[in-house]
Amino acid sequence: MARGVSYLAKTHTEENVPRDTRRSGAAALAILLAASAATAQDRVEAQNAPPVAVGGFRYQHIPPHTHMNVCEAVKCVSGSRVSYLLAPGNSNPSFERYKEERAKLAEALRSRAPAGSTISFDPPEQTKDRIFTVFKSRRVDTLADGNKSFVLSQRLHSARLTADIISSSTDNKAAETNMVLFTLPIMLLSQRAEEATKSR
């Protein structure tokens, strides 16, 4: 597991977007986030079970720490993707830092968008309760032919676990539903980590 939350910004790229838009986003993020070329190229499917799995998705481990899930069922819209990365907890995350990170990402993606395409970003949002602090952002990629992809990013913070989750689909509702499908079990994973610590 990563040493800190800052590791998320260096390793978890938005390469889970649909195939038509993945190339420009991946290239921009590789430059922006300076991910290791060795680990980015060494992509093999993991033999171990994932921390969180959802029915209808094919799991693939992307070294070193990204858990990719590709929808292969009608109910989640085949080809949609959800990836997540887990890191140590952070009980006092900075929303300002998150907004700065998203602004840099937006600039990089727009500078490398294919000719005739557009990328729009919703303002980042923050929600908090007694256990979790959640940072959210959303973008819409529109290609020159009018086809769209919807990319939802969510960073979930708790005292014992931080999770960076990205859900993408050509269907906005599917992107939202798939995000929820993975967020809930990751929250439960965080709670189990908390309970395990208390029982020691």
Protein backbone atom coordinates (compact mmCIF):
# COMPACT_ATOMS: atom_id res chain seq x y z
CA MET A 1 0.00 0.00 0.00
CA ALA A 2 1.26 3.50 -0.72
CA ARG A 3 3.04 5.58 1.87
CA GLY A 4 0.60 8.47 1.72
CA VAL A 5 -2.32 10.03 -0.05
CA SER A 6 -0.05 12.02 -2.35
CA TYR A 7 0.84 8.69 -3.95
CA LEU A 8 -2.65 8.56 -5.43
CA ALA A 9 -1.99 11.54 -7.68
CA LYS A 10 1.22 9.96 -8.95
CA THR A 11 -0.09 6.50 -9.82
CA HIS A 12 -3.84 6.35 -10.37
CA THR A 13 -4.36 7.75 -13.84
CA GLU A 14 -7.68 8.09 -15.62
CA GLU A 15 -6.87 5.39 -18.15
CA ASN A 16 -10.15 3.64 -17.45
CA VAL A 17 -12.04 5.92 -19.82
CA PRO A 18 -13.59 4.35 -22.95
CA ARG A 19 -11.16 3.38 -25.68
CA ASP A 20 -11.92 6.34 -27.98
CA THR A 21 -10.80 8.91 -25.43
CA ARG A 22 -8.23 6.98 -23.45
CA ARG A 23 -5.15 7.81 -25.54
CA SER A 24 -5.04 11.55 -24.99
CA GLY A 25 -5.92 11.34 -21.31
CA ALA A 26 -3.32 8.69 -20.58
CA ALA A 27 -0.57 10.63 -22.37
CA ALA A 28 -1.37 13.85 -20.55
CA LEU A 29 -1.52 12.17 -17.17
CA ALA A 30 1.75 10.37 -17.77
CA ILE A 31 3.41 13.76 -18.18
CA LEU A 32 1.46 15.53 -15.48
CA LEU A 33 1.74 12.91 -12.78
CA ALA A 34 5.18 11.56 -13.75
CA ALA A 35 4.24 7.92 -13.27
CA SER A 36 7.06 5.43 -13.53
CA ALA A 37 7.50 4.19 -17.09
CA ALA A 38 8.53 0.79 -15.87
CA THR A 39 5.41 0.19 -13.82
CA ALA A 40 3.12 1.81 -16.40
CA GLN A 41 4.28 -0.63 -19.06
CA ASP A 42 4.37 -3.72 -16.89
CA ARG A 43 0.67 -4.58 -16.96
CA VAL A 44 -0.26 -8.15 -16.16
CA GLU A 45 -3.39 -9.63 -14.70
CA ALA A 46 -3.15 -10.40 -11.01
CA GLN A 47 -3.64 -13.92 -9.70
CA ASN A 48 -4.77 -12.79 -6.26
CA ALA A 49 -8.33 -11.85 -5.42
CA PRO A 50 -9.05 -8.09 -5.46
CA PRO A 51 -9.84 -6.19 -2.23
CA VAL A 52 -13.29 -5.39 -3.66
CA ALA A 53 -15.08 -7.16 -6.51
CA VAL A 54 -18.50 -6.61 -8.09
CA GLY A 55 -20.44 -9.09 -10.21
CA GLY A 56 -20.54 -8.39 -13.93
CA PHE A 57 -17.05 -6.84 -13.97
CA ARG A 58 -13.82 -8.48 -15.14
CA TYR A 59 -10.98 -7.68 -12.75
CA GLN A 60 -7.44 -6.80 -13.79
CA HIS A 61 -4.57 -5.69 -11.60
CA ILE A 62 -2.45 -2.86 -13.04
CA PRO A 63 0.88 -2.76 -11.20
CA PRO A 64 1.76 -1.47 -8.84
CA HIS A 65 -1.52 -0.77 -7.03
CA THR A 66 -4.42 0.00 -9.40
CA HIS A 67 -7.44 -2.33 -9.40
CA MET A 68 -9.21 -2.16 -12.78
CA ASN A 69 -12.72 -3.51 -13.33
CA VAL A 70 -14.25 -3.71 -16.82
CA CYS A 71 -17.98 -4.23 -17.21
CA GLU A 72 -18.96 -7.28 -19.26
CA ALA A 73 -22.69 -7.25 -18.50
CA VAL A 74 -25.65 -5.35 -19.91
CA LYS A 75 -26.70 -4.01 -16.51
CA CYS A 76 -23.48 -2.01 -16.02
CA VAL A 77 -23.19 -1.10 -19.74
CA SER A 78 -20.57 -3.33 -21.33
CA GLY A 79 -17.21 -1.60 -21.68
CA SER A 80 -17.73 0.74 -18.74
CA ARG A 81 -14.85 0.81 -16.29
CA VAL A 82 -14.26 1.36 -12.60
CA SER A 83 -10.74 1.52 -11.19
CA TYR A 84 -9.63 2.14 -7.64
CA LEU A 85 -6.45 2.52 -5.65
CA LEU A 86 -6.16 2.11 -1.88
CA ALA A 87 -3.79 4.04 0.36
CA PRO A 88 -3.37 4.72 4.09
CA GLY A 89 -6.00 6.80 5.83
CA ASN A 90 -6.02 10.58 6.11
CA SER A 91 -8.25 12.11 8.75
CA ASN A 92 -7.55 15.70 7.67
CA PRO A 93 -7.44 15.87 3.85
CA SER A 94 -7.03 19.19 2.03
CA PHE A 95 -9.85 20.08 -0.34
CA GLU A 96 -7.84 23.03 -1.63
CA ARG A 97 -5.02 20.72 -2.64
CA TYR A 98 -7.51 18.44 -4.36
CA LYS A 99 -8.95 21.36 -6.34
CA GLU A 100 -5.45 22.41 -7.40
CA GLU A 101 -4.74 18.87 -8.55
CA ARG A 102 -7.95 18.77 -10.60
CA ALA A 103 -7.19 22.12 -12.19
CA LYS A 104 -3.78 20.87 -13.35
CA LEU A 105 -5.37 17.71 -14.69
CA ALA A 106 -7.99 19.70 -16.61
CA GLU A 107 -5.31 21.88 -18.20
CA ALA A 108 -3.26 18.85 -19.24
CA LEU A 109 -6.19 16.94 -20.72
CA ARG A 110 -7.48 19.93 -22.66
CA SER A 111 -4.04 20.67 -24.09
CA ARG A 112 -3.88 17.16 -25.54
CA ALA A 113 -7.49 16.62 -26.57
CA PRO A 114 -7.95 15.33 -30.14
CA ALA A 115 -8.87 17.92 -32.77
CA GLY A 116 -12.58 18.68 -32.75
CA SER A 117 -13.19 17.24 -29.30
CA THR A 118 -14.15 19.09 -26.13
CA ILE A 119 -13.71 18.33 -22.43
CA SER A 120 -15.92 19.93 -19.78
CA PHE A 121 -15.40 19.75 -16.04
CA ASP A 122 -17.85 20.23 -13.20
CA PRO A 123 -16.49 22.08 -10.13
CA PRO A 124 -15.06 19.69 -7.51
CA GLU A 125 -17.36 18.93 -4.57
CA GLN A 126 -16.76 17.96 -0.96
CA THR A 127 -19.04 16.04 1.40
CA LYS A 128 -18.33 15.10 5.01
CA ASP A 129 -19.90 13.03 7.76
CA ARG A 130 -18.67 11.54 11.03
CA ILE A 131 -16.58 8.86 9.33
CA PHE A 132 -15.84 9.87 5.74
CA THR A 133 -14.68 12.93 3.82
CA VAL A 134 -15.32 12.61 0.10
CA PHE A 135 -13.97 14.74 -2.75
CA LYS A 136 -15.80 14.38 -6.06
CA SER A 137 -15.32 15.62 -9.60
CA ARG A 138 -16.90 14.91 -12.98
CA ARG A 139 -15.92 15.49 -16.56
CA VAL A 140 -17.54 14.91 -19.95
CA ASP A 141 -15.45 14.13 -23.03
CA THR A 142 -17.17 14.88 -26.34
CA LEU A 143 -15.53 13.63 -29.51
CA ALA A 144 -15.75 15.32 -32.89
CA ASP A 145 -18.42 12.82 -33.98
CA GLY A 146 -20.61 13.74 -31.00
CA ASN A 147 -19.97 10.58 -28.97
CA LYS A 148 -19.51 11.24 -25.26
CA SER A 149 -17.88 9.59 -22.29
CA PHE A 150 -18.58 10.45 -18.67
CA VAL A 151 -15.79 10.21 -16.10
CA LEU A 152 -16.51 10.43 -12.38
CA SER A 153 -13.65 10.71 -9.89
CA GLN A 154 -14.05 10.25 -6.17
CA ARG A 155 -11.51 10.34 -3.36
CA LEU A 156 -12.77 8.72 -0.19
CA HIS A 157 -10.97 9.57 3.05
CA SER A 158 -11.31 7.92 6.45
CA ALA A 159 -9.00 7.52 9.43
CA ARG A 160 -7.84 4.08 8.27
CA LEU A 161 -8.20 4.11 4.50
CA THR A 162 -8.06 6.42 1.49
CA ALA A 163 -9.54 5.23 -1.80
CA ASP A 164 -9.27 6.90 -5.20
CA ILE A 165 -12.13 5.65 -7.41
CA ILE A 166 -12.72 6.45 -11.09
CA SER A 167 -15.86 5.39 -12.95
CA SER A 168 -16.24 5.93 -16.68
CA SER A 169 -18.86 5.02 -19.26
CA THR A 170 -20.49 6.19 -22.45
CA ASP A 171 -23.69 6.26 -20.37
CA ASN A 172 -23.87 8.87 -17.61
CA LYS A 173 -26.30 6.89 -15.46
CA ALA A 174 -24.12 3.80 -15.70
CA ALA A 175 -21.05 5.78 -14.62
CA GLU A 176 -22.96 6.99 -11.56
CA THR A 177 -24.45 3.60 -10.69
CA ASN A 178 -21.15 1.78 -11.12
CA MET A 179 -19.44 4.31 -8.86
CA VAL A 180 -21.94 3.51 -6.10
CA LEU A 181 -21.51 -0.24 -6.63
CA PHE A 182 -17.82 0.02 -5.77
CA THR A 183 -17.98 2.84 -3.22
CA LEU A 184 -20.21 0.97 -0.77
CA PRO A 185 -17.99 -2.13 -0.38
CA ILE A 186 -14.89 0.07 -0.17
CA MET A 187 -16.55 1.95 2.69
CA LEU A 188 -17.21 -1.39 4.39
CA LEU A 189 -13.56 -2.33 3.84
CA SER A 190 -12.57 0.89 5.59
CA GLN A 191 -14.86 0.11 8.50
CA ARG A 192 -13.44 -3.40 8.86
CA ALA A 193 -9.95 -1.90 8.99
CA GLU A 194 -11.11 0.43 11.74
CA GLU A 195 -12.68 -2.41 13.72
CA ALA A 196 -9.58 -4.57 13.33
CA THR A 197 -7.42 -1.77 14.72
CA LYS A 198 -9.69 -1.31 17.74
CA SER A 199 -9.70 -5.03 18.53
CA ARG A 200 -5.92 -5.25 18.78
